[in-house]
Each structure stands twice: as C-alpha cells, then as structure tokens.
C-alpha atoms as a PDB file:
ATOM      1  CA  UNK A   1      -0.074  -0.022  -0.050  1.00  0.00           C
ATOM      2  CA  UNK A   2       1.284   3.392  -0.989  1.00  0.00           C
ATOM      3  CA  UNK A   3       1.247   6.417   1.302  1.00  0.00           C
ATOM      4  CA  UNK A   4      -0.817   9.128  -0.277  1.00  0.00           C
ATOM      5  CA  UNK A   5      -2.223  12.620   0.175  1.00  0.00           C
ATOM      6  CA  UNK A   6      -5.106  14.396  -1.348  1.00  0.00           C
ATOM      7  CA  UNK A   7      -3.181  17.694  -0.841  1.00  0.00           C
ATOM      8  CA  UNK A   8      -2.361  19.329  -4.115  1.00  0.00           C
ATOM      9  CA  UNK A   9       1.429  19.358  -3.911  1.00  0.00           C
ATOM     10  CA  UNK A  10       2.923  21.321  -6.796  1.00  0.00           C
ATOM     11  CA  UNK A  11       4.533  18.517  -8.588  1.00  0.00           C
ATOM     12  CA  UNK A  12       2.733  18.899 -11.995  1.00  0.00           C
ATOM     13  CA  UNK A  13       2.145  22.395 -13.613  1.00  0.00           C
ATOM     14  CA  UNK A  14       0.111  21.624 -16.775  1.00  0.00           C
ATOM     15  CA  UNK A  15      -2.362  19.056 -17.948  1.00  0.00           C
ATOM     16  CA  UNK A  16      -4.021  18.726 -21.247  1.00  0.00           C
ATOM     17  CA  UNK A  17      -6.532  16.124 -22.400  1.00  0.00           C
ATOM     18  CA  UNK A  18      -8.426  15.137 -25.419  1.00  0.00           C
ATOM     19  CA  UNK A  19     -11.122  12.703 -26.086  1.00  0.00           C
ATOM     20  CA  UNK A  20     -11.562  11.719 -29.735  1.00  0.00           C
ATOM     21  CA  UNK A  21     -13.739   8.790 -30.672  1.00  0.00           C
ATOM     22  CA  UNK A  22     -12.607   5.796 -28.638  1.00  0.00           C
ATOM     23  CA  UNK A  23      -9.216   7.372 -27.862  1.00  0.00           C
ATOM     24  CA  UNK A  24      -8.095   9.619 -24.891  1.00  0.00           C
ATOM     25  CA  UNK A  25      -4.897  11.548 -24.915  1.00  0.00           C
ATOM     26  CA  UNK A  26      -3.434  13.190 -21.787  1.00  0.00           C
ATOM     27  CA  UNK A  27      -0.175  14.978 -21.481  1.00  0.00           C
ATOM     28  CA  UNK A  28       1.337  16.751 -18.512  1.00  0.00           C
ATOM     29  CA  UNK A  29       4.415  18.753 -17.391  1.00  0.00           C
ATOM     30  CA  UNK A  30       6.207  18.298 -14.114  1.00  0.00           C
ATOM     31  CA  UNK A  31       7.049  21.411 -11.966  1.00  0.00           C
ATOM     32  CA  UNK A  32      10.734  20.466 -12.182  1.00  0.00           C
ATOM     33  CA  UNK A  33      12.356  19.853 -15.603  1.00  0.00           C
ATOM     34  CA  UNK A  34      13.100  16.137 -14.724  1.00  0.00           C
ATOM     35  CA  UNK A  35      10.389  13.403 -15.121  1.00  0.00           C
ATOM     36  CA  UNK A  36       8.494  12.382 -12.015  1.00  0.00           C
ATOM     37  CA  UNK A  37       6.885   9.076 -11.136  1.00  0.00           C
ATOM     38  CA  UNK A  38       3.148   9.253 -11.931  1.00  0.00           C
ATOM     39  CA  UNK A  39       0.263   6.887 -11.668  1.00  0.00           C
ATOM     40  CA  UNK A  40      -2.894   7.416 -13.610  1.00  0.00           C
ATOM     41  CA  UNK A  41      -6.220   5.784 -12.706  1.00  0.00           C
ATOM     42  CA  UNK A  42      -9.334   5.619 -14.978  1.00  0.00           C
ATOM     43  CA  UNK A  43     -13.105   5.313 -14.023  1.00  0.00           C
ATOM     44  CA  UNK A  44     -16.353   5.712 -15.890  1.00  0.00           C
ATOM     45  CA  UNK A  45     -17.872   7.094 -12.666  1.00  0.00           C
ATOM     46  CA  UNK A  46     -15.647   9.357 -10.334  1.00  0.00           C
ATOM     47  CA  UNK A  47     -12.175  10.255  -9.407  1.00  0.00           C
ATOM     48  CA  UNK A  48      -9.953   7.951  -7.355  1.00  0.00           C
ATOM     49  CA  UNK A  49      -9.462   8.585  -3.580  1.00  0.00           C
ATOM     50  CA  UNK A  50      -5.900   7.273  -3.607  1.00  0.00           C
ATOM     51  CA  UNK A  51      -3.136   5.824  -5.845  1.00  0.00           C
ATOM     52  CA  UNK A  52      -4.028   2.242  -4.821  1.00  0.00           C
ATOM     53  CA  UNK A  53      -7.808   2.336  -5.679  1.00  0.00           C
ATOM     54  CA  UNK A  54      -7.234   0.011  -8.723  1.00  0.00           C
ATOM     55  CA  UNK A  55      -6.495  -2.729  -6.111  1.00  0.00           C
ATOM     56  CA  UNK A  56     -10.012  -2.462  -4.831  1.00  0.00           C
ATOM     57  CA  UNK A  57     -12.538  -3.862  -7.181  1.00  0.00           C
ATOM     58  CA  UNK A  58     -15.698  -2.126  -5.944  1.00  0.00           C
ATOM     59  CA  UNK A  59     -14.155   1.294  -6.713  1.00  0.00           C
ATOM     60  CA  UNK A  60     -14.116   0.643 -10.385  1.00  0.00           C
ATOM     61  CA  UNK A  61     -10.699   2.171 -10.981  1.00  0.00           C
ATOM     62  CA  UNK A  62      -8.333   0.984 -13.611  1.00  0.00           C
ATOM     63  CA  UNK A  63      -4.549   1.524 -13.521  1.00  0.00           C
ATOM     64  CA  UNK A  64      -3.732   3.121 -16.930  1.00  0.00           C
ATOM     65  CA  UNK A  65      -0.047   3.815 -16.485  1.00  0.00           C
ATOM     66  CA  UNK A  66       2.711   4.140 -13.984  1.00  0.00           C
ATOM     67  CA  UNK A  67       6.281   5.406 -14.347  1.00  0.00           C
ATOM     68  CA  UNK A  68       8.413   8.435 -15.179  1.00  0.00           C
ATOM     69  CA  UNK A  69       5.910   9.420 -18.011  1.00  0.00           C
ATOM     70  CA  UNK A  70       4.641  12.576 -19.458  1.00  0.00           C
ATOM     71  CA  UNK A  71       1.714  11.393 -21.555  1.00  0.00           C
ATOM     72  CA  UNK A  72      -0.882   8.682 -21.867  1.00  0.00           C
ATOM     73  CA  UNK A  73      -2.840   7.255 -24.756  1.00  0.00           C
ATOM     74  CA  UNK A  74      -5.889   5.272 -23.927  1.00  0.00           C
ATOM     75  CA  UNK A  75      -7.389   3.313 -26.818  1.00  0.00           C
ATOM     76  CA  UNK A  76      -9.503   1.068 -24.553  1.00  0.00           C
ATOM     77  CA  UNK A  77     -12.595   3.311 -24.206  1.00  0.00           C
ATOM     78  CA  UNK A  78     -16.162   3.089 -25.514  1.00  0.00           C
ATOM     79  CA  UNK A  79     -17.431   5.929 -27.808  1.00  0.00           C
ATOM     80  CA  UNK A  80     -20.850   5.388 -26.278  1.00  0.00           C
ATOM     81  CA  UNK A  81     -19.636   6.086 -22.510  1.00  0.00           C
ATOM     82  CA  UNK A  82     -20.715   9.554 -21.458  1.00  0.00           C
ATOM     83  CA  UNK A  83     -17.698  10.320 -19.249  1.00  0.00           C
ATOM     84  CA  UNK A  84     -14.228   8.932 -18.469  1.00  0.00           C
ATOM     85  CA  UNK A  85     -12.534  10.234 -15.322  1.00  0.00           C
ATOM     86  CA  UNK A  86      -8.741  10.163 -14.979  1.00  0.00           C
ATOM     87  CA  UNK A  87      -6.986  10.815 -11.625  1.00  0.00           C
ATOM     88  CA  UNK A  88      -3.223  11.631 -11.882  1.00  0.00           C
ATOM     89  CA  UNK A  89      -1.079  11.054  -8.916  1.00  0.00           C
ATOM     90  CA  UNK A  90       2.564  12.088  -8.653  1.00  0.00           C
ATOM     91  CA  UNK A  91       5.262  10.839  -6.309  1.00  0.00           C
ATOM     92  CA  UNK A  92       7.355  13.275  -4.318  1.00  0.00           C
ATOM     93  CA  UNK A  93      11.094  12.824  -3.529  1.00  0.00           C
ATOM     94  CA  UNK A  94      10.211  10.987  -0.374  1.00  0.00           C
ATOM     95  CA  UNK A  95       8.048   8.415  -2.102  1.00  0.00           C
ATOM     96  CA  UNK A  96       4.679   9.795  -1.025  1.00  0.00           C
ATOM     97  CA  UNK A  97       1.889   9.997  -3.715  1.00  0.00           C
ATOM     98  CA  UNK A  98      -0.150  13.057  -4.094  1.00  0.00           C
ATOM     99  CA  UNK A  99      -3.250  13.555  -6.213  1.00  0.00           C
ATOM    100  CA  UNK A 100      -2.392  16.232  -8.888  1.00  0.00           C
ATOM    101  CA  UNK A 101      -5.381  16.540 -11.114  1.00  0.00           C
ATOM    102  CA  UNK A 102      -8.670  15.080 -12.107  1.00  0.00           C
ATOM    103  CA  UNK A 103      -9.519  15.060 -15.761  1.00  0.00           C
ATOM    104  CA  UNK A 104     -13.277  14.525 -16.727  1.00  0.00           C
ATOM    105  CA  UNK A 105     -13.713  14.057 -20.502  1.00  0.00           C
ATOM    106  CA  UNK A 106     -16.904  13.806 -22.341  1.00  0.00           C
ATOM    107  CA  UNK A 107     -16.968  12.646 -25.904  1.00  0.00           C
ATOM    108  CA  UNK A 108     -15.109  14.884 -28.452  1.00  0.00           C
ATOM    109  CA  UNK A 109     -13.880  17.242 -25.862  1.00  0.00           C
ATOM    110  CA  UNK A 110     -10.531  18.992 -24.896  1.00  0.00           C
ATOM    111  CA  UNK A 111      -9.518  19.859 -21.259  1.00  0.00           C
ATOM    112  CA  UNK A 112      -6.625  22.145 -20.350  1.00  0.00           C
ATOM    113  CA  UNK A 113      -5.325  23.242 -16.912  1.00  0.00           C
ATOM    114  CA  UNK A 114      -2.284  25.283 -15.825  1.00  0.00           C
ATOM    115  CA  UNK A 115      -1.107  26.129 -12.424  1.00  0.00           C
ATOM    116  CA  UNK A 116      -0.080  29.573 -13.472  1.00  0.00           C
ATOM    117  CA  UNK A 117      -2.202  30.817 -16.495  1.00  0.00           C
ATOM    118  CA  UNK A 118       0.454  33.557 -17.177  1.00  0.00           C
ATOM    119  CA  UNK A 119       3.111  30.813 -17.607  1.00  0.00           C
ATOM    120  CA  UNK A 120       1.557  29.492 -20.660  1.00  0.00           C
ATOM    121  CA  UNK A 121       0.398  25.995 -21.500  1.00  0.00           C
ATOM    122  CA  UNK A 122       3.791  24.300 -21.211  1.00  0.00           C
ATOM    123  CA  UNK A 123       5.328  21.629 -23.561  1.00  0.00           C
ATOM    124  CA  UNK A 124       2.486  19.171 -22.813  1.00  0.00           C
ATOM    125  CA  UNK A 125       0.182  21.166 -25.104  1.00  0.00           C
ATOM    126  CA  UNK A 126       2.643  20.525 -27.935  1.00  0.00           C
ATOM    127  CA  UNK A 127       2.913  16.808 -27.123  1.00  0.00           C
ATOM    128  CA  UNK A 128      -0.914  16.540 -27.096  1.00  0.00           C
ATOM    129  CA  UNK A 129      -0.983  18.266 -30.655  1.00  0.00           C
ATOM    130  CA  UNK A 130       1.539  15.752 -31.919  1.00  0.00           C
ATOM    131  CA  UNK A 131      -0.439  12.817 -30.391  1.00  0.00           C
ATOM    132  CA  UNK A 132      -3.582  14.152 -31.935  1.00  0.00           C
ATOM    133  CA  UNK A 133      -1.998  14.345 -35.494  1.00  0.00           C
ATOM    134  CA  UNK A 134      -1.298  10.708 -35.200  1.00  0.00           C
ATOM    135  CA  UNK A 135      -4.979   9.723 -34.664  1.00  0.00           C
ATOM    136  CA  UNK A 136      -6.916   8.494 -37.731  1.00  0.00           C
ATOM    137  CA  UNK A 137      -9.405  10.977 -39.189  1.00  0.00           C
ATOM    138  CA  UNK A 138     -12.958  10.122 -38.368  1.00  0.00           C
END
C-alpha cells in the first residue's frame, strides 16, 4: 500500500486532455524539468481517492499507467460512454503519492489546466497536438 495525500502538492504544472472517438490522450508537465513518477487511474464514474484504488474492485478504478511518464494514450474506451474520469497522482522525492489533477472528459472534448495561467500552456500542449495528429481521421 502506498502512502498518499489528497493535498495538491505542486509536482505537476500543466495537464491537457483530449477525447476523440474511442481514444483519450493526456499530456502533462512536471514542475521540475526532470520526469517524476506518476500513476494514472481511470473510471467511468468518479475520481480515485488514492493511488492504490485500482486494487479495490468495488471502486471501479483501472490503473492506466505508472512510471516516469509525461503522456498517456488510452485506446481502450467506448465511444458510447458519457464520461471517463482520469486521476493523476505524482510521487514526491520522499516516495509519497499526491493527487495532482482530475481530468473529466466527455465525448469529443478537450481539457486544459495550468497552475499559473500567465506561464503559458507548457510543452505538454505541444505533445498533445503531436499525439492528436497521429490519430486516424474520423
């Protein structure tokens, strides 16, 4: 079991998401230049309470990725589903997990968040655009 906190520690600065057909793309930037350990959980219902919620069947959370990553491509969604909810956790230097952001995506929508709006969208917006160009036209 991982130690976690729902406090929004400043580990991730920007998050951008896109739901297009049966694909979801999410990209993010760490506060520091170096990659951080992240864990992303997905649910059709609600956000995760903690980073280990995928281990508890009744919570309906699926572990989508874990590691020193900066983006996620999820091709395992249903176009007919109204919502998909992704909860992003990041690990601090002491090994504790902290909830960073909850991304709620309806069909054919984009989502953007920046910790400091004046700082611009970060490199994750460029990565999201590159990922989107690789999607088949529908």
